[in-house]
Amino acid sequence: QVQLVESGGDSVQAGGSLRLSCSISGYTYRTYCMAWFRQAPGKERDVVARFRSDGSTNYADSVKGRFTISKDNAKNTLYLQMNSLKPEDTAMYYCAAARSGVTSCIAGLFPASYWGQGTQVTVSS
């Protein structure tokens, strides 16, 4: 059973930094796709960063140069380092994973099959 548990959300001032963590269990595939999504009140859930098992990454234009997605295989944890935070980054952030064998995930619709419960990020001006 795949479980994704996010942590690290907080309230920060604009310009600050946060690192989100997604603890992964039951998801030990050689090839895989994972991502971070976010959803602000009244808006759709959008993907902000993608990570594939070959090390490929991709970012939404709104976070390029500020956010970095990475994975520590030894700790089985996915991270999202967020720098230069802006009020418009305020949202619930979700960790997501595609089912085993899916590798077409760096662009287009992300094929999420598993979701975490989310962690709240609030950025004040």
C-alpha atoms as a PDB file:
ATOM      1  CA  GLN A   1       0.000   0.000   0.000  1.00  0.00           C
ATOM      2  CA  VAL A   2       1.460   3.321  -1.094  1.00  0.00           C
ATOM      3  CA  GLN A   3       1.486   6.078   1.493  1.00  0.00           C
ATOM      4  CA  LEU A   4       2.701   9.628   0.989  1.00  0.00           C
ATOM      5  CA  VAL A   5       2.955  11.935   3.999  1.00  0.00           C
ATOM      6  CA  GLU A   6       3.850  15.592   3.528  1.00  0.00           C
ATOM      7  CA  SER A   7       5.369  17.875   6.132  1.00  0.00           C
ATOM      8  CA  GLY A   8       7.201  21.167   6.355  1.00  0.00           C
ATOM      9  CA  GLY A   9       4.421  23.605   5.557  1.00  0.00           C
ATOM     10  CA  ASP A  10       4.408  26.823   7.547  1.00  0.00           C
ATOM     11  CA  SER A  11       3.628  30.521   7.521  1.00  0.00           C
ATOM     12  CA  VAL A  12       6.489  32.683   6.278  1.00  0.00           C
ATOM     13  CA  GLN A  13       7.060  36.197   5.030  1.00  0.00           C
ATOM     14  CA  ALA A  14       7.628  37.004   1.387  1.00  0.00           C
ATOM     15  CA  GLY A  15      11.216  36.349   0.391  1.00  0.00           C
ATOM     16  CA  GLY A  16      11.573  33.503   2.843  1.00  0.00           C
ATOM     17  CA  SER A  17      12.273  29.826   2.255  1.00  0.00           C
ATOM     18  CA  LEU A  18      10.704  26.517   3.166  1.00  0.00           C
ATOM     19  CA  ARG A  19      11.513  22.896   2.475  1.00  0.00           C
ATOM     20  CA  LEU A  20       8.641  20.497   2.096  1.00  0.00           C
ATOM     21  CA  SER A  21       9.149  16.780   2.637  1.00  0.00           C
ATOM     22  CA  CYS A  22       7.137  13.835   1.401  1.00  0.00           C
ATOM     23  CA  SER A  23       7.794  10.607   3.256  1.00  0.00           C
ATOM     24  CA  ILE A  24       7.183   7.651   0.946  1.00  0.00           C
ATOM     25  CA  SER A  25       6.236   4.110   1.868  1.00  0.00           C
ATOM     26  CA  GLY A  26       5.119   1.173  -0.230  1.00  0.00           C
ATOM     27  CA  TYR A  27       6.430   2.824  -3.408  1.00  0.00           C
ATOM     28  CA  THR A  28       9.703   1.137  -4.269  1.00  0.00           C
ATOM     29  CA  TYR A  29       9.829   0.947  -8.031  1.00  0.00           C
ATOM     30  CA  ARG A  30      12.896   1.120 -10.219  1.00  0.00           C
ATOM     31  CA  THR A  31      11.193   3.515 -12.617  1.00  0.00           C
ATOM     32  CA  TYR A  32       8.798   6.045 -11.234  1.00  0.00           C
ATOM     33  CA  CYS A  33       7.375   9.526 -11.479  1.00  0.00           C
ATOM     34  CA  MET A  34       6.614  11.856  -8.606  1.00  0.00           C
ATOM     35  CA  ALA A  35       5.489  15.440  -8.347  1.00  0.00           C
ATOM     36  CA  TRP A  36       4.454  18.302  -6.131  1.00  0.00           C
ATOM     37  CA  PHE A  37       1.090  19.956  -6.743  1.00  0.00           C
ATOM     38  CA  ARG A  38      -0.513  22.927  -5.090  1.00  0.00           C
ATOM     39  CA  GLN A  39      -4.038  24.194  -4.740  1.00  0.00           C
ATOM     40  CA  ALA A  40      -5.059  27.650  -3.598  1.00  0.00           C
ATOM     41  CA  PRO A  41      -8.604  28.347  -2.342  1.00  0.00           C
ATOM     42  CA  GLY A  42     -11.042  28.516  -5.243  1.00  0.00           C
ATOM     43  CA  LYS A  43      -8.454  27.357  -7.764  1.00  0.00           C
ATOM     44  CA  GLU A  44      -7.587  24.111  -9.478  1.00  0.00           C
ATOM     45  CA  ARG A  45      -4.850  21.813  -8.272  1.00  0.00           C
ATOM     46  CA  ASP A  46      -1.788  22.412 -10.471  1.00  0.00           C
ATOM     47  CA  VAL A  47       1.518  20.627 -10.776  1.00  0.00           C
ATOM     48  CA  VAL A  48       4.503  22.778  -9.790  1.00  0.00           C
ATOM     49  CA  ALA A  49       7.425  20.348 -10.007  1.00  0.00           C
ATOM     50  CA  ARG A  50       8.013  16.878 -11.436  1.00  0.00           C
ATOM     51  CA  PHE A  51      10.680  14.261 -10.770  1.00  0.00           C
ATOM     52  CA  ARG A  52      11.382  11.079 -12.703  1.00  0.00           C
ATOM     53  CA  SER A  53      13.540   8.166 -11.623  1.00  0.00           C
ATOM     54  CA  ASP A  54      16.215   8.997 -14.233  1.00  0.00           C
ATOM     55  CA  GLY A  55      16.712  12.359 -12.546  1.00  0.00           C
ATOM     56  CA  SER A  56      14.677  14.406 -15.014  1.00  0.00           C
ATOM     57  CA  THR A  57      12.826  17.348 -13.557  1.00  0.00           C
ATOM     58  CA  ASN A  58      10.415  19.959 -14.788  1.00  0.00           C
ATOM     59  CA  TYR A  59       8.877  23.037 -13.214  1.00  0.00           C
ATOM     60  CA  ALA A  60       5.910  25.276 -13.735  1.00  0.00           C
ATOM     61  CA  ASP A  61       6.935  28.637 -15.163  1.00  0.00           C
ATOM     62  CA  SER A  62       5.712  30.373 -12.016  1.00  0.00           C
ATOM     63  CA  VAL A  63       8.295  28.605  -9.826  1.00  0.00           C
ATOM     64  CA  LYS A  64      11.254  28.147 -12.167  1.00  0.00           C
ATOM     65  CA  GLY A  65      14.469  29.364 -10.605  1.00  0.00           C
ATOM     66  CA  ARG A  66      12.901  29.461  -7.127  1.00  0.00           C
ATOM     67  CA  PHE A  67      11.800  25.892  -6.398  1.00  0.00           C
ATOM     68  CA  THR A  68      13.869  22.705  -6.559  1.00  0.00           C
ATOM     69  CA  ILE A  69      12.508  19.175  -6.444  1.00  0.00           C
ATOM     70  CA  SER A  70      14.758  16.347  -5.303  1.00  0.00           C
ATOM     71  CA  LYS A  71      14.621  12.865  -3.837  1.00  0.00           C
ATOM     72  CA  ASP A  72      16.734  11.150  -1.214  1.00  0.00           C
ATOM     73  CA  ASN A  73      16.562   7.447  -2.037  1.00  0.00           C
ATOM     74  CA  ALA A  74      18.240   6.425   1.202  1.00  0.00           C
ATOM     75  CA  LYS A  75      15.542   8.212   3.190  1.00  0.00           C
ATOM     76  CA  ASN A  76      12.797   7.454   0.667  1.00  0.00           C
ATOM     77  CA  THR A  77      11.751  11.080   0.801  1.00  0.00           C
ATOM     78  CA  LEU A  78      10.799  13.589  -1.880  1.00  0.00           C
ATOM     79  CA  TYR A  79      11.616  17.239  -1.215  1.00  0.00           C
ATOM     80  CA  LEU A  80      10.563  20.611  -2.516  1.00  0.00           C
ATOM     81  CA  GLN A  81      12.948  23.432  -1.658  1.00  0.00           C
ATOM     82  CA  MET A  82      11.133  26.734  -2.036  1.00  0.00           C
ATOM     83  CA  ASN A  83      13.094  29.978  -2.053  1.00  0.00           C
ATOM     84  CA  SER A  84      12.127  33.596  -2.643  1.00  0.00           C
ATOM     85  CA  LEU A  85       8.574  32.801  -1.675  1.00  0.00           C
ATOM     86  CA  LYS A  86       5.807  35.102  -2.824  1.00  0.00           C
ATOM     87  CA  PRO A  87       2.259  35.615  -1.493  1.00  0.00           C
ATOM     88  CA  GLU A  88       0.944  33.922  -4.638  1.00  0.00           C
ATOM     89  CA  ASP A  89       2.721  30.725  -3.554  1.00  0.00           C
ATOM     90  CA  THR A  90       0.205  30.427  -0.733  1.00  0.00           C
ATOM     91  CA  ALA A  91      -1.583  27.100  -1.162  1.00  0.00           C
ATOM     92  CA  MET A  92      -1.997  23.567   0.075  1.00  0.00           C
ATOM     93  CA  TYR A  93       0.882  21.538  -1.315  1.00  0.00           C
ATOM     94  CA  TYR A  94       0.442  17.883  -2.214  1.00  0.00           C
ATOM     95  CA  CYS A  95       2.889  15.117  -3.004  1.00  0.00           C
ATOM     96  CA  ALA A  96       1.806  12.768  -5.794  1.00  0.00           C
ATOM     97  CA  ALA A  97       3.093   9.628  -7.463  1.00  0.00           C
ATOM     98  CA  ALA A  98       2.285   7.780 -10.644  1.00  0.00           C
ATOM     99  CA  ARG A  99       1.620   4.051 -10.685  1.00  0.00           C
ATOM    100  CA  SER A 100       4.428   1.612 -11.326  1.00  0.00           C
ATOM    101  CA  GLY A 101       5.932   1.655 -14.796  1.00  0.00           C
ATOM    102  CA  VAL A 102       4.674   5.064 -15.829  1.00  0.00           C
ATOM    103  CA  THR A 103       7.539   7.197 -17.150  1.00  0.00           C
ATOM    104  CA  SER A 104       5.746   9.684 -19.379  1.00  0.00           C
ATOM    105  CA  CYS A 105       5.377  12.354 -16.775  1.00  0.00           C
ATOM    106  CA  ILE A 106       7.840  15.185 -17.335  1.00  0.00           C
ATOM    107  CA  ALA A 107       5.427  17.148 -19.515  1.00  0.00           C
ATOM    108  CA  GLY A 108       1.695  17.270 -20.061  1.00  0.00           C
ATOM    109  CA  LEU A 109      -0.879  15.841 -17.727  1.00  0.00           C
ATOM    110  CA  PHE A 110       0.766  14.222 -14.723  1.00  0.00           C
ATOM    111  CA  PRO A 111      -0.643  10.714 -14.241  1.00  0.00           C
ATOM    112  CA  ALA A 112      -1.083  10.825 -10.474  1.00  0.00           C
ATOM    113  CA  SER A 113      -2.387   7.643  -8.879  1.00  0.00           C
ATOM    114  CA  TYR A 114      -1.359   8.300  -5.282  1.00  0.00           C
ATOM    115  CA  TRP A 115      -1.726  11.436  -3.187  1.00  0.00           C
ATOM    116  CA  GLY A 116      -0.641  12.692   0.188  1.00  0.00           C
ATOM    117  CA  GLN A 117      -2.921  14.618   2.543  1.00  0.00           C
ATOM    118  CA  GLY A 118      -1.249  17.985   1.887  1.00  0.00           C
ATOM    119  CA  THR A 119       0.682  20.558   3.881  1.00  0.00           C
ATOM    120  CA  GLN A 120      -0.260  24.246   4.064  1.00  0.00           C
ATOM    121  CA  VAL A 121       2.104  26.986   2.950  1.00  0.00           C
ATOM    122  CA  THR A 122       1.141  30.575   3.699  1.00  0.00           C
ATOM    123  CA  VAL A 123       3.261  33.481   2.512  1.00  0.00           C
ATOM    124  CA  SER A 124       2.508  36.941   3.839  1.00  0.00           C
ATOM    125  CA  SER A 125       3.591  40.208   2.245  1.00  0.00           C
END
